[in-house]
Amino acid sequence: MTNAASAHSGNFWNFDFFSPHPAQDSELLQQLGFIPGLKEFLLIRQVHALEHATVWVLSDLERSFSPQRDLRDLRDNEQIGGLSTEKGFYLYGNIHPLNLKRAVGIALNRLLKGEWDLAVHPRCGTNVSVAMLLTTGMIFTTYLLLPREPIGQLVGLGIATTTAAWIAPEIGMSVQKYLTTSIPFNLKIKEIAQTTDQLGRPAHFVSVKWQNSP
């Protein structure tokens, strides 16, 4: 699996007009709190970011993690997976409870201190969804635009799938960055427990609660 350096080329959050600030979601709720489901949407975005950051840190704990280690040195452990909900997130894999507790605290602290690249992850389901949508859309477009003869359609199919596979990862990371994750300025960790998810799979669950930013 790719390492953090290749997955995060440059700082995704380096645009002055879109620099996250601690009160952004609290202010949005004050202004638009009447919209049904808005708080849950904002909450799950923050949980999603913390889940990704925790996976990065957990992966690195297995090789003598140092809190000062640069993001470029992080490596992904494909044996660790996660699932975010509005109440917290599940983590799957062979995870030591003490390592998990330490990783969650480190991950939250590093995100709040500005290491915002930790909020996105190349194995996120967002990337898979984006890849599927892009591939389907490009195949359908080439089918409509190219002549209906078999060779032309086969060439178009090959170009469409290759192009989609090439651009999907970068687009998926951008969708994570701008839509499906947000810096967890409002999250407070409640507890970490061993449990099972809705499908009965063994997991650890990191429960969180919302707190308004000062």
N, C-alpha and C. Protein backbone atom coordinates (compact mmCIF):
# COMPACT_ATOMS: atom_id res chain seq x y z
N MET A 1 0.85 -1.20 0.00
CA MET A 1 0.00 0.00 0.00
C MET A 1 0.88 1.24 0.00
N THR A 2 0.36 2.29 -0.59
CA THR A 2 1.13 3.53 -0.68
C THR A 2 1.40 4.10 0.69
N ASN A 3 2.49 4.83 0.81
CA ASN A 3 2.76 5.47 2.08
C ASN A 3 2.15 6.86 2.10
N ALA A 4 2.23 7.52 3.26
CA ALA A 4 1.57 8.81 3.41
C ALA A 4 2.15 9.86 2.49
N ALA A 5 3.43 9.75 2.18
CA ALA A 5 4.04 10.76 1.33
C ALA A 5 3.43 10.75 -0.05
N SER A 6 3.27 9.56 -0.62
CA SER A 6 2.70 9.49 -1.96
C SER A 6 1.21 9.75 -1.95
N ALA A 7 0.55 9.39 -0.85
CA ALA A 7 -0.89 9.61 -0.79
C ALA A 7 -1.23 11.06 -0.55
N HIS A 8 -0.31 11.79 0.07
CA HIS A 8 -0.58 13.18 0.43
C HIS A 8 0.51 14.08 -0.15
N SER A 9 0.55 14.23 -1.42
CA SER A 9 1.58 15.07 -2.02
C SER A 9 1.25 16.52 -1.77
N GLY A 10 2.05 17.13 -0.90
CA GLY A 10 1.77 18.51 -0.54
C GLY A 10 0.73 18.56 0.55
N ASN A 11 0.36 19.77 0.99
CA ASN A 11 -0.64 19.95 2.03
C ASN A 11 -1.98 20.23 1.39
N PHE A 12 -2.94 19.32 1.58
CA PHE A 12 -4.25 19.47 0.96
C PHE A 12 -4.99 20.70 1.46
N TRP A 13 -4.62 21.14 2.66
CA TRP A 13 -5.36 22.25 3.28
C TRP A 13 -4.55 23.55 3.23
N ASN A 14 -3.89 23.81 2.16
CA ASN A 14 -3.00 24.96 2.12
C ASN A 14 -3.60 26.16 1.39
N PHE A 15 -4.93 26.18 1.23
CA PHE A 15 -5.56 27.31 0.57
C PHE A 15 -6.02 28.32 1.61
N ASP A 16 -5.57 29.56 1.47
CA ASP A 16 -5.88 30.58 2.46
C ASP A 16 -7.39 30.76 2.62
N PHE A 17 -8.13 30.68 1.52
CA PHE A 17 -9.56 30.93 1.59
C PHE A 17 -10.31 29.74 2.20
N PHE A 18 -9.65 28.62 2.45
CA PHE A 18 -10.32 27.46 2.99
C PHE A 18 -9.54 26.89 4.18
N SER A 19 -8.91 27.73 4.93
CA SER A 19 -8.16 27.26 6.08
C SER A 19 -9.12 26.96 7.23
N PRO A 20 -9.14 25.72 7.73
CA PRO A 20 -10.07 25.38 8.81
C PRO A 20 -9.81 26.21 10.06
N HIS A 21 -10.89 26.55 10.77
CA HIS A 21 -10.72 27.27 12.03
C HIS A 21 -11.65 26.64 13.06
N PRO A 22 -11.31 26.71 14.35
CA PRO A 22 -12.00 25.94 15.38
C PRO A 22 -13.51 26.15 15.45
N ALA A 23 -13.99 27.33 15.15
CA ALA A 23 -15.41 27.62 15.34
C ALA A 23 -16.24 27.42 14.08
N GLN A 24 -15.66 26.88 13.00
CA GLN A 24 -16.37 26.87 11.73
C GLN A 24 -17.68 26.07 11.78
N ASP A 25 -17.66 24.88 12.34
CA ASP A 25 -18.88 24.08 12.38
C ASP A 25 -19.86 24.59 13.43
N SER A 26 -19.36 25.11 14.55
CA SER A 26 -20.24 25.69 15.56
C SER A 26 -20.98 26.88 14.99
N GLU A 27 -20.27 27.72 14.24
CA GLU A 27 -20.91 28.88 13.63
C GLU A 27 -21.93 28.46 12.59
N LEU A 28 -21.60 27.43 11.82
CA LEU A 28 -22.53 26.95 10.80
C LEU A 28 -23.81 26.43 11.44
N LEU A 29 -23.68 25.75 12.57
CA LEU A 29 -24.86 25.25 13.26
C LEU A 29 -25.71 26.39 13.81
N GLN A 30 -25.06 27.43 14.30
CA GLN A 30 -25.81 28.58 14.81
C GLN A 30 -26.61 29.25 13.70
N GLN A 31 -26.04 29.30 12.51
CA GLN A 31 -26.70 29.97 11.40
C GLN A 31 -27.73 29.10 10.70
N LEU A 32 -27.42 27.79 10.56
CA LEU A 32 -28.27 26.91 9.75
C LEU A 32 -28.74 25.68 10.53
N GLY A 33 -28.79 25.79 11.84
CA GLY A 33 -29.17 24.66 12.67
C GLY A 33 -30.56 24.14 12.43
N PHE A 34 -31.39 24.93 11.75
CA PHE A 34 -32.77 24.51 11.47
C PHE A 34 -32.82 23.44 10.38
N ILE A 35 -31.72 23.23 9.65
CA ILE A 35 -31.71 22.23 8.58
C ILE A 35 -31.64 20.83 9.19
N PRO A 36 -32.61 19.97 8.90
CA PRO A 36 -32.60 18.63 9.49
C PRO A 36 -31.34 17.85 9.10
N GLY A 37 -30.73 17.22 10.10
CA GLY A 37 -29.57 16.36 9.86
C GLY A 37 -28.25 17.09 9.71
N LEU A 38 -28.25 18.42 9.80
CA LEU A 38 -27.00 19.16 9.59
C LEU A 38 -25.96 18.81 10.66
N LYS A 39 -26.39 18.78 11.93
CA LYS A 39 -25.43 18.50 12.99
C LYS A 39 -24.84 17.10 12.82
N GLU A 40 -25.68 16.12 12.47
CA GLU A 40 -25.19 14.76 12.27
C GLU A 40 -24.19 14.70 11.12
N PHE A 41 -24.47 15.47 10.05
CA PHE A 41 -23.56 15.51 8.91
C PHE A 41 -22.22 16.11 9.30
N LEU A 42 -22.24 17.23 10.02
CA LEU A 42 -21.00 17.86 10.46
C LEU A 42 -20.24 16.96 11.42
N LEU A 43 -20.97 16.28 12.29
CA LEU A 43 -20.34 15.41 13.27
C LEU A 43 -19.65 14.22 12.61
N ILE A 44 -20.33 13.59 11.67
CA ILE A 44 -19.73 12.40 11.05
C ILE A 44 -18.51 12.77 10.20
N ARG A 45 -18.49 13.98 9.63
CA ARG A 45 -17.30 14.43 8.89
C ARG A 45 -16.10 14.52 9.83
N GLN A 46 -16.31 15.06 11.04
CA GLN A 46 -15.22 15.17 11.99
C GLN A 46 -14.79 13.79 12.50
N VAL A 47 -15.77 12.92 12.76
CA VAL A 47 -15.44 11.56 13.19
C VAL A 47 -14.63 10.85 12.11
N HIS A 48 -15.03 11.04 10.86
CA HIS A 48 -14.35 10.41 9.72
C HIS A 48 -12.87 10.82 9.69
N ALA A 49 -12.61 12.10 9.90
CA ALA A 49 -11.23 12.58 9.91
C ALA A 49 -10.43 11.96 11.05
N LEU A 50 -11.04 11.88 12.23
CA LEU A 50 -10.35 11.29 13.37
C LEU A 50 -10.10 9.80 13.15
N GLU A 51 -11.05 9.12 12.52
CA GLU A 51 -10.85 7.70 12.20
C GLU A 51 -9.62 7.52 11.31
N HIS A 52 -9.52 8.33 10.25
CA HIS A 52 -8.38 8.22 9.34
C HIS A 52 -7.07 8.51 10.06
N ALA A 53 -7.05 9.55 10.85
CA ALA A 53 -5.82 9.92 11.55
C ALA A 53 -5.41 8.82 12.53
N THR A 54 -6.39 8.21 13.19
CA THR A 54 -6.10 7.14 14.13
C THR A 54 -5.50 5.93 13.42
N VAL A 55 -6.02 5.60 12.24
CA VAL A 55 -5.47 4.49 11.47
C VAL A 55 -4.02 4.77 11.09
N TRP A 56 -3.73 6.01 10.66
CA TRP A 56 -2.35 6.36 10.33
C TRP A 56 -1.44 6.16 11.54
N VAL A 57 -1.87 6.69 12.69
CA VAL A 57 -1.02 6.62 13.88
C VAL A 57 -0.87 5.19 14.38
N LEU A 58 -1.97 4.43 14.38
CA LEU A 58 -1.90 3.04 14.79
C LEU A 58 -0.93 2.25 13.91
N SER A 59 -0.99 2.51 12.61
CA SER A 59 -0.10 1.83 11.69
C SER A 59 1.36 2.08 12.06
N ASP A 60 1.62 3.29 12.50
CA ASP A 60 3.00 3.65 12.81
C ASP A 60 3.45 3.18 14.18
N LEU A 61 2.49 2.99 15.10
CA LEU A 61 2.86 2.51 16.43
C LEU A 61 3.56 1.16 16.37
N GLU A 62 3.28 0.39 15.33
CA GLU A 62 3.87 -0.92 15.20
C GLU A 62 5.35 -0.87 14.85
N ARG A 63 5.83 0.30 14.48
CA ARG A 63 7.26 0.41 14.18
C ARG A 63 7.88 1.57 14.95
N SER A 64 7.73 1.48 16.29
CA SER A 64 8.37 2.43 17.21
C SER A 64 7.98 3.86 16.90
N PHE A 65 6.69 4.15 17.05
CA PHE A 65 6.18 5.49 16.74
C PHE A 65 6.80 6.56 17.62
N SER A 66 7.09 7.69 17.00
CA SER A 66 7.51 8.88 17.72
C SER A 66 6.53 10.00 17.43
N PRO A 67 5.96 10.66 18.43
CA PRO A 67 4.99 11.73 18.17
C PRO A 67 5.55 12.84 17.30
N GLN A 68 6.87 12.96 17.26
CA GLN A 68 7.46 14.02 16.45
C GLN A 68 7.76 13.58 15.02
N ARG A 69 7.46 12.33 14.69
CA ARG A 69 7.79 11.84 13.35
C ARG A 69 6.99 12.58 12.29
N ASP A 70 7.64 12.93 11.22
CA ASP A 70 6.99 13.66 10.14
C ASP A 70 5.99 12.77 9.41
N LEU A 71 4.92 13.37 8.91
CA LEU A 71 3.88 12.63 8.20
C LEU A 71 4.46 11.85 7.03
N ARG A 72 5.49 12.36 6.39
CA ARG A 72 6.08 11.69 5.23
C ARG A 72 6.65 10.32 5.59
N ASP A 73 6.92 10.09 6.89
CA ASP A 73 7.48 8.82 7.32
C ASP A 73 6.43 7.77 7.67
N LEU A 74 5.15 8.16 7.70
CA LEU A 74 4.11 7.22 8.10
C LEU A 74 3.90 6.16 7.03
N ARG A 75 3.51 4.96 7.47
CA ARG A 75 3.18 3.87 6.57
C ARG A 75 1.80 3.34 6.91
N ASP A 76 1.10 2.86 5.90
CA ASP A 76 -0.25 2.37 6.10
C ASP A 76 -0.23 0.88 6.43
N ASN A 77 -1.03 0.47 7.40
CA ASN A 77 -1.20 -0.95 7.72
C ASN A 77 -2.54 -1.40 7.15
N GLU A 78 -2.50 -2.20 6.11
CA GLU A 78 -3.73 -2.60 5.43
C GLU A 78 -4.58 -3.56 6.26
N GLN A 79 -4.05 -4.05 7.38
CA GLN A 79 -4.81 -4.96 8.23
C GLN A 79 -5.75 -4.20 9.18
N ILE A 80 -5.64 -2.89 9.21
CA ILE A 80 -6.48 -2.07 10.08
C ILE A 80 -7.51 -1.35 9.21
N GLY A 81 -8.78 -1.46 9.56
CA GLY A 81 -9.84 -0.77 8.84
C GLY A 81 -10.75 -0.04 9.80
N GLY A 82 -11.61 0.80 9.27
CA GLY A 82 -12.49 1.58 10.13
C GLY A 82 -13.83 1.88 9.49
N LEU A 83 -14.78 2.28 10.33
CA LEU A 83 -16.11 2.67 9.87
C LEU A 83 -16.62 3.77 10.79
N SER A 84 -16.99 4.91 10.21
CA SER A 84 -17.43 6.05 11.00
C SER A 84 -18.95 6.11 11.11
N THR A 85 -19.42 6.54 12.28
CA THR A 85 -20.84 6.82 12.50
C THR A 85 -20.93 8.16 13.22
N GLU A 86 -22.15 8.65 13.42
CA GLU A 86 -22.30 9.94 14.10
C GLU A 86 -22.02 9.83 15.60
N LYS A 87 -21.88 8.61 16.12
CA LYS A 87 -21.59 8.41 17.54
C LYS A 87 -20.13 8.09 17.82
N GLY A 88 -19.37 7.83 16.78
CA GLY A 88 -17.98 7.46 16.93
C GLY A 88 -17.56 6.58 15.78
N PHE A 89 -16.47 5.84 15.94
CA PHE A 89 -16.03 5.00 14.84
C PHE A 89 -15.55 3.64 15.32
N TYR A 90 -15.79 2.64 14.44
CA TYR A 90 -15.31 1.28 14.67
C TYR A 90 -13.93 1.13 14.04
N LEU A 91 -13.08 0.34 14.69
CA LEU A 91 -11.80 -0.04 14.12
C LEU A 91 -11.69 -1.55 14.14
N TYR A 92 -11.23 -2.11 13.02
CA TYR A 92 -11.13 -3.55 12.87
C TYR A 92 -9.66 -3.95 12.71
N GLY A 93 -9.34 -5.12 13.20
CA GLY A 93 -7.98 -5.61 13.06
C GLY A 93 -7.42 -6.01 14.41
N ASN A 94 -6.21 -6.53 14.39
CA ASN A 94 -5.54 -6.95 15.61
C ASN A 94 -4.92 -5.73 16.27
N ILE A 95 -5.68 -5.10 17.15
CA ILE A 95 -5.28 -3.82 17.75
C ILE A 95 -5.19 -3.98 19.26
N HIS A 96 -4.06 -3.58 19.81
CA HIS A 96 -3.90 -3.62 21.27
C HIS A 96 -4.64 -2.42 21.87
N PRO A 97 -5.47 -2.65 22.89
CA PRO A 97 -6.26 -1.55 23.48
C PRO A 97 -5.43 -0.36 23.94
N LEU A 98 -4.28 -0.63 24.52
CA LEU A 98 -3.45 0.48 24.99
C LEU A 98 -2.89 1.29 23.82
N ASN A 99 -2.50 0.59 22.74
CA ASN A 99 -2.05 1.30 21.55
C ASN A 99 -3.16 2.14 20.95
N LEU A 100 -4.38 1.59 20.96
CA LEU A 100 -5.51 2.34 20.41
C LEU A 100 -5.78 3.60 21.21
N LYS A 101 -5.80 3.46 22.53
CA LYS A 101 -6.05 4.63 23.38
C LYS A 101 -4.99 5.71 23.14
N ARG A 102 -3.76 5.29 23.04
CA ARG A 102 -2.68 6.24 22.79
C ARG A 102 -2.81 6.86 21.40
N ALA A 103 -3.13 6.03 20.41
CA ALA A 103 -3.22 6.51 19.03
C ALA A 103 -4.34 7.54 18.85
N VAL A 104 -5.48 7.30 19.48
CA VAL A 104 -6.60 8.24 19.34
C VAL A 104 -6.21 9.61 19.89
N GLY A 105 -5.58 9.61 21.06
CA GLY A 105 -5.17 10.89 21.65
C GLY A 105 -4.14 11.61 20.80
N ILE A 106 -3.16 10.87 20.30
CA ILE A 106 -2.14 11.47 19.45
C ILE A 106 -2.75 11.99 18.15
N ALA A 107 -3.63 11.19 17.56
CA ALA A 107 -4.25 11.58 16.29
C ALA A 107 -5.06 12.87 16.44
N LEU A 108 -5.87 12.94 17.49
CA LEU A 108 -6.67 14.15 17.70
C LEU A 108 -5.78 15.36 17.94
N ASN A 109 -4.75 15.18 18.74
CA ASN A 109 -3.84 16.28 19.04
C ASN A 109 -3.13 16.78 17.79
N ARG A 110 -2.68 15.85 16.93
CA ARG A 110 -1.94 16.26 15.72
C ARG A 110 -2.86 16.95 14.72
N LEU A 111 -4.10 16.48 14.62
CA LEU A 111 -5.05 17.15 13.74
C LEU A 111 -5.31 18.58 14.21
N LEU A 112 -5.54 18.74 15.51
CA LEU A 112 -5.85 20.07 16.03
C LEU A 112 -4.66 21.01 15.95
N LYS A 113 -3.46 20.46 15.89
CA LYS A 113 -2.25 21.29 15.79
C LYS A 113 -1.88 21.61 14.34
N GLY A 114 -2.69 21.12 13.40
CA GLY A 114 -2.47 21.53 12.01
C GLY A 114 -1.99 20.46 11.05
N GLU A 115 -1.84 19.21 11.50
CA GLU A 115 -1.42 18.15 10.58
C GLU A 115 -2.65 17.58 9.87
N TRP A 116 -3.25 18.42 9.03
CA TRP A 116 -4.57 18.12 8.46
C TRP A 116 -4.52 17.07 7.37
N ASP A 117 -3.36 16.78 6.83
CA ASP A 117 -3.25 15.70 5.85
C ASP A 117 -3.63 14.35 6.45
N LEU A 118 -3.52 14.21 7.76
CA LEU A 118 -3.88 12.96 8.42
C LEU A 118 -5.37 12.66 8.30
N ALA A 119 -6.17 13.65 7.93
CA ALA A 119 -7.62 13.47 7.85
C ALA A 119 -8.06 12.67 6.64
N VAL A 120 -7.19 12.50 5.64
CA VAL A 120 -7.57 11.75 4.44
C VAL A 120 -6.75 10.47 4.35
N HIS A 121 -7.34 9.47 3.69
CA HIS A 121 -6.68 8.16 3.64
C HIS A 121 -6.95 7.50 2.29
N PRO A 122 -5.95 6.90 1.68
CA PRO A 122 -6.12 6.32 0.34
C PRO A 122 -7.03 5.11 0.30
N ARG A 123 -7.25 4.43 1.45
CA ARG A 123 -8.13 3.26 1.45
C ARG A 123 -9.56 3.58 1.85
N CYS A 124 -9.89 4.85 1.94
CA CYS A 124 -11.24 5.26 2.33
C CYS A 124 -12.26 4.80 1.29
N GLY A 125 -13.45 4.43 1.74
CA GLY A 125 -14.52 4.04 0.83
C GLY A 125 -14.92 5.15 -0.11
N THR A 126 -14.66 6.40 0.26
CA THR A 126 -14.94 7.52 -0.64
C THR A 126 -14.21 7.34 -1.96
N ASN A 127 -12.95 6.92 -1.90
CA ASN A 127 -12.17 6.73 -3.12
C ASN A 127 -12.77 5.65 -4.01
N VAL A 128 -13.27 4.58 -3.38
CA VAL A 128 -13.89 3.50 -4.15
C VAL A 128 -15.15 4.00 -4.84
N SER A 129 -15.97 4.76 -4.12
CA SER A 129 -17.21 5.29 -4.70
C SER A 129 -16.92 6.23 -5.85
N VAL A 130 -15.92 7.09 -5.66
CA VAL A 130 -15.56 8.03 -6.72
C VAL A 130 -15.07 7.26 -7.95
N ALA A 131 -14.25 6.25 -7.74
CA ALA A 131 -13.73 5.46 -8.86
C ALA A 131 -14.87 4.79 -9.63
N MET A 132 -15.83 4.25 -8.92
CA MET A 132 -16.96 3.58 -9.57
C MET A 132 -17.79 4.57 -10.38
N LEU A 133 -18.06 5.74 -9.79
CA LEU A 133 -18.86 6.75 -10.49
C LEU A 133 -18.13 7.26 -11.73
N LEU A 134 -16.83 7.53 -11.58
CA LEU A 134 -16.05 8.01 -12.72
C LEU A 134 -16.01 6.99 -13.84
N THR A 135 -15.74 5.74 -13.48
CA THR A 135 -15.64 4.70 -14.50
C THR A 135 -16.97 4.53 -15.22
N THR A 136 -18.06 4.46 -14.47
CA THR A 136 -19.38 4.31 -15.09
C THR A 136 -19.71 5.48 -16.00
N GLY A 137 -19.44 6.69 -15.50
CA GLY A 137 -19.75 7.88 -16.30
C GLY A 137 -18.94 7.96 -17.57
N MET A 138 -17.65 7.62 -17.48
CA MET A 138 -16.80 7.71 -18.66
C MET A 138 -17.11 6.62 -19.68
N ILE A 139 -17.44 5.42 -19.19
CA ILE A 139 -17.82 4.35 -20.11
C ILE A 139 -19.11 4.72 -20.85
N PHE A 140 -20.08 5.25 -20.12
CA PHE A 140 -21.35 5.63 -20.73
C PHE A 140 -21.15 6.76 -21.74
N THR A 141 -20.27 7.71 -21.40
CA THR A 141 -20.01 8.83 -22.32
C THR A 141 -19.35 8.36 -23.61
N THR A 142 -18.36 7.49 -23.48
CA THR A 142 -17.69 7.00 -24.69
C THR A 142 -18.64 6.15 -25.53
N TYR A 143 -19.53 5.43 -24.89
CA TYR A 143 -20.53 4.63 -25.62
C TYR A 143 -21.42 5.53 -26.47
N LEU A 144 -21.79 6.68 -25.91
CA LEU A 144 -22.67 7.60 -26.64
C LEU A 144 -21.94 8.35 -27.74
N LEU A 145 -20.66 8.68 -27.51
CA LEU A 145 -19.95 9.56 -28.43
C LEU A 145 -19.26 8.80 -29.58
N LEU A 146 -18.81 7.59 -29.32
CA LEU A 146 -18.04 6.87 -30.34
C LEU A 146 -18.97 6.08 -31.26
N PRO A 147 -18.49 5.78 -32.46
CA PRO A 147 -19.27 4.93 -33.38
C PRO A 147 -19.61 3.60 -32.72
N ARG A 148 -20.74 3.02 -33.08
CA ARG A 148 -21.21 1.81 -32.43
C ARG A 148 -20.53 0.53 -32.90
N GLU A 149 -19.57 0.64 -33.82
CA GLU A 149 -18.90 -0.57 -34.29
C GLU A 149 -17.99 -1.12 -33.18
N PRO A 150 -17.80 -2.46 -33.13
CA PRO A 150 -17.16 -3.12 -31.99
C PRO A 150 -15.76 -2.62 -31.65
N ILE A 151 -14.91 -2.45 -32.67
CA ILE A 151 -13.53 -2.05 -32.39
C ILE A 151 -13.49 -0.67 -31.73
N GLY A 152 -14.26 0.26 -32.29
CA GLY A 152 -14.29 1.60 -31.71
C GLY A 152 -14.79 1.60 -30.28
N GLN A 153 -15.81 0.78 -30.01
CA GLN A 153 -16.34 0.70 -28.66
C GLN A 153 -15.33 0.08 -27.70
N LEU A 154 -14.61 -0.94 -28.15
CA LEU A 154 -13.60 -1.56 -27.30
C LEU A 154 -12.46 -0.60 -26.98
N VAL A 155 -12.04 0.15 -27.99
CA VAL A 155 -10.99 1.16 -27.76
C VAL A 155 -11.49 2.20 -26.77
N GLY A 156 -12.71 2.66 -26.96
CA GLY A 156 -13.29 3.64 -26.04
C GLY A 156 -13.40 3.12 -24.63
N LEU A 157 -13.80 1.84 -24.50
CA LEU A 157 -13.90 1.23 -23.18
C LEU A 157 -12.54 1.20 -22.49
N GLY A 158 -11.50 0.84 -23.24
CA GLY A 158 -10.16 0.79 -22.67
C GLY A 158 -9.68 2.16 -22.23
N ILE A 159 -9.91 3.17 -23.08
CA ILE A 159 -9.50 4.54 -22.74
C ILE A 159 -10.26 5.04 -21.51
N ALA A 160 -11.57 4.76 -21.48
CA ALA A 160 -12.40 5.24 -20.37
C ALA A 160 -11.95 4.63 -19.04
N THR A 161 -11.76 3.32 -19.01
CA THR A 161 -11.38 2.67 -17.75
C THR A 161 -9.98 3.07 -17.31
N THR A 162 -9.06 3.20 -18.26
CA THR A 162 -7.69 3.60 -17.92
C THR A 162 -7.66 5.02 -17.37
N THR A 163 -8.38 5.92 -18.03
CA THR A 163 -8.41 7.32 -17.59
C THR A 163 -9.05 7.45 -16.21
N ALA A 164 -10.15 6.73 -16.00
CA ALA A 164 -10.83 6.77 -14.70
C ALA A 164 -9.92 6.26 -13.60
N ALA A 165 -9.22 5.16 -13.86
CA ALA A 165 -8.31 4.60 -12.86
C ALA A 165 -7.16 5.55 -12.54
N TRP A 166 -6.76 6.33 -13.52
CA TRP A 166 -5.64 7.26 -13.34
C TRP A 166 -6.03 8.48 -12.51
N ILE A 167 -7.22 9.03 -12.76
CA ILE A 167 -7.61 10.27 -12.09
C ILE A 167 -8.43 10.05 -10.83
N ALA A 168 -9.00 8.86 -10.66
CA ALA A 168 -9.90 8.63 -9.52
C ALA A 168 -9.23 8.82 -8.16
N PRO A 169 -8.00 8.33 -7.93
CA PRO A 169 -7.42 8.50 -6.60
C PRO A 169 -7.29 9.96 -6.18
N GLU A 170 -6.83 10.81 -7.09
CA GLU A 170 -6.66 12.22 -6.73
C GLU A 170 -8.00 12.89 -6.49
N ILE A 171 -8.99 12.58 -7.32
CA ILE A 171 -10.31 13.16 -7.13
C ILE A 171 -10.93 12.65 -5.83
N GLY A 172 -10.75 11.36 -5.56
CA GLY A 172 -11.27 10.80 -4.32
C GLY A 172 -10.69 11.46 -3.09
N MET A 173 -9.39 11.73 -3.11
CA MET A 173 -8.77 12.42 -1.97
C MET A 173 -9.32 13.84 -1.80
N SER A 174 -9.60 14.50 -2.93
CA SER A 174 -10.16 15.84 -2.86
C SER A 174 -11.59 15.81 -2.31
N VAL A 175 -12.36 14.80 -2.70
CA VAL A 175 -13.72 14.66 -2.17
C VAL A 175 -13.66 14.42 -0.67
N GLN A 176 -12.73 13.61 -0.22
CA GLN A 176 -12.55 13.43 1.22
C GLN A 176 -12.25 14.77 1.89
N LYS A 177 -11.31 15.47 1.31
CA LYS A 177 -10.81 16.71 1.91
C LYS A 177 -11.89 17.77 2.06
N TYR A 178 -12.71 17.93 1.02
CA TYR A 178 -13.68 19.02 1.00
C TYR A 178 -15.09 18.61 1.41
N LEU A 179 -15.41 17.31 1.38
CA LEU A 179 -16.79 16.93 1.61
C LEU A 179 -16.97 15.93 2.75
N THR A 180 -16.21 14.85 2.77
CA THR A 180 -16.52 13.77 3.70
C THR A 180 -15.70 13.78 4.99
N THR A 181 -14.74 14.69 5.11
CA THR A 181 -14.01 14.84 6.38
C THR A 181 -13.94 16.31 6.76
N SER A 182 -13.71 16.53 8.04
CA SER A 182 -13.53 17.88 8.55
C SER A 182 -12.70 17.79 9.82
N ILE A 183 -11.88 18.78 10.09
CA ILE A 183 -11.01 18.75 11.26
C ILE A 183 -11.86 18.68 12.53
N PRO A 184 -11.58 17.72 13.43
CA PRO A 184 -12.46 17.49 14.59
C PRO A 184 -12.30 18.50 15.72
N PHE A 185 -12.61 19.75 15.42
CA PHE A 185 -12.51 20.78 16.44
C PHE A 185 -13.56 20.61 17.54
N ASN A 186 -14.65 19.93 17.24
CA ASN A 186 -15.76 19.83 18.19
C ASN A 186 -15.85 18.47 18.87
N LEU A 187 -14.90 17.59 18.65
CA LEU A 187 -15.00 16.25 19.19
C LEU A 187 -14.30 16.12 20.54
N LYS A 188 -14.95 15.39 21.43
CA LYS A 188 -14.34 14.98 22.69
C LYS A 188 -14.50 13.48 22.82
N ILE A 189 -13.43 12.78 23.15
CA ILE A 189 -13.46 11.34 23.27
C ILE A 189 -14.19 10.96 24.56
N LYS A 190 -15.18 10.07 24.45
CA LYS A 190 -15.91 9.59 25.62
C LYS A 190 -15.29 8.32 26.18
N GLU A 191 -15.24 7.28 25.37
CA GLU A 191 -14.65 6.03 25.83
C GLU A 191 -14.25 5.17 24.64
N ILE A 192 -13.41 4.18 24.92
CA ILE A 192 -12.96 3.23 23.90
C ILE A 192 -13.24 1.84 24.44
N ALA A 193 -13.97 1.04 23.68
CA ALA A 193 -14.38 -0.27 24.19
C ALA A 193 -14.32 -1.32 23.10
N GLN A 194 -14.07 -2.57 23.50
CA GLN A 194 -14.17 -3.69 22.59
C GLN A 194 -15.64 -4.07 22.45
N THR A 195 -16.08 -4.32 21.22
CA THR A 195 -17.49 -4.56 20.97
C THR A 195 -17.65 -5.35 19.68
N THR A 196 -18.85 -5.40 19.17
CA THR A 196 -19.14 -5.92 17.83
C THR A 196 -19.95 -4.88 17.10
N ASP A 197 -19.79 -4.84 15.78
CA ASP A 197 -20.56 -3.87 15.00
C ASP A 197 -21.95 -4.44 14.68
N GLN A 198 -22.70 -3.72 13.82
CA GLN A 198 -24.06 -4.11 13.49
C GLN A 198 -24.13 -5.47 12.80
N LEU A 199 -23.03 -5.89 12.19
CA LEU A 199 -22.99 -7.18 11.50
C LEU A 199 -22.40 -8.29 12.37
N GLY A 200 -22.11 -7.96 13.62
CA GLY A 200 -21.57 -8.97 14.53
C GLY A 200 -20.08 -9.16 14.43
N ARG A 201 -19.38 -8.29 13.71
CA ARG A 201 -17.94 -8.43 13.57
C ARG A 201 -17.23 -7.84 14.79
N PRO A 202 -16.20 -8.51 15.32
CA PRO A 202 -15.47 -7.96 16.46
C PRO A 202 -14.75 -6.67 16.07
N ALA A 203 -14.78 -5.70 16.97
CA ALA A 203 -14.19 -4.40 16.67
C ALA A 203 -13.94 -3.66 17.97
N HIS A 204 -13.22 -2.57 17.85
CA HIS A 204 -13.13 -1.59 18.92
C HIS A 204 -13.98 -0.39 18.50
N PHE A 205 -14.65 0.21 19.47
CA PHE A 205 -15.47 1.39 19.16
C PHE A 205 -14.98 2.57 19.97
N VAL A 206 -14.69 3.66 19.27
CA VAL A 206 -14.26 4.91 19.90
C VAL A 206 -15.46 5.84 19.88
N SER A 207 -16.09 6.02 21.02
CA SER A 207 -17.27 6.89 21.08
C SER A 207 -16.86 8.33 21.37
N VAL A 208 -17.58 9.26 20.79
CA VAL A 208 -17.27 10.69 20.92
C VAL A 208 -18.53 11.47 21.26
N LYS A 209 -18.35 12.69 21.68
CA LYS A 209 -19.48 13.59 21.87
C LYS A 209 -19.12 14.96 21.31
N TRP A 210 -20.15 15.71 20.96
CA TRP A 210 -19.99 17.04 20.39
C TRP A 210 -19.80 18.06 21.51
N GLN A 211 -18.87 18.97 21.34
CA GLN A 211 -18.72 20.09 22.24
C GLN A 211 -18.49 21.34 21.41
N ASN A 212 -19.17 22.41 21.75
CA ASN A 212 -19.03 23.65 21.02
C ASN A 212 -17.63 24.23 21.21
N SER A 213 -17.05 24.72 20.13
CA SER A 213 -15.72 25.32 20.24
C SER A 213 -15.82 26.64 20.97
N PRO A 214 -14.80 27.01 21.74
CA PRO A 214 -14.82 28.27 22.46
C PRO A 214 -14.78 29.46 21.52
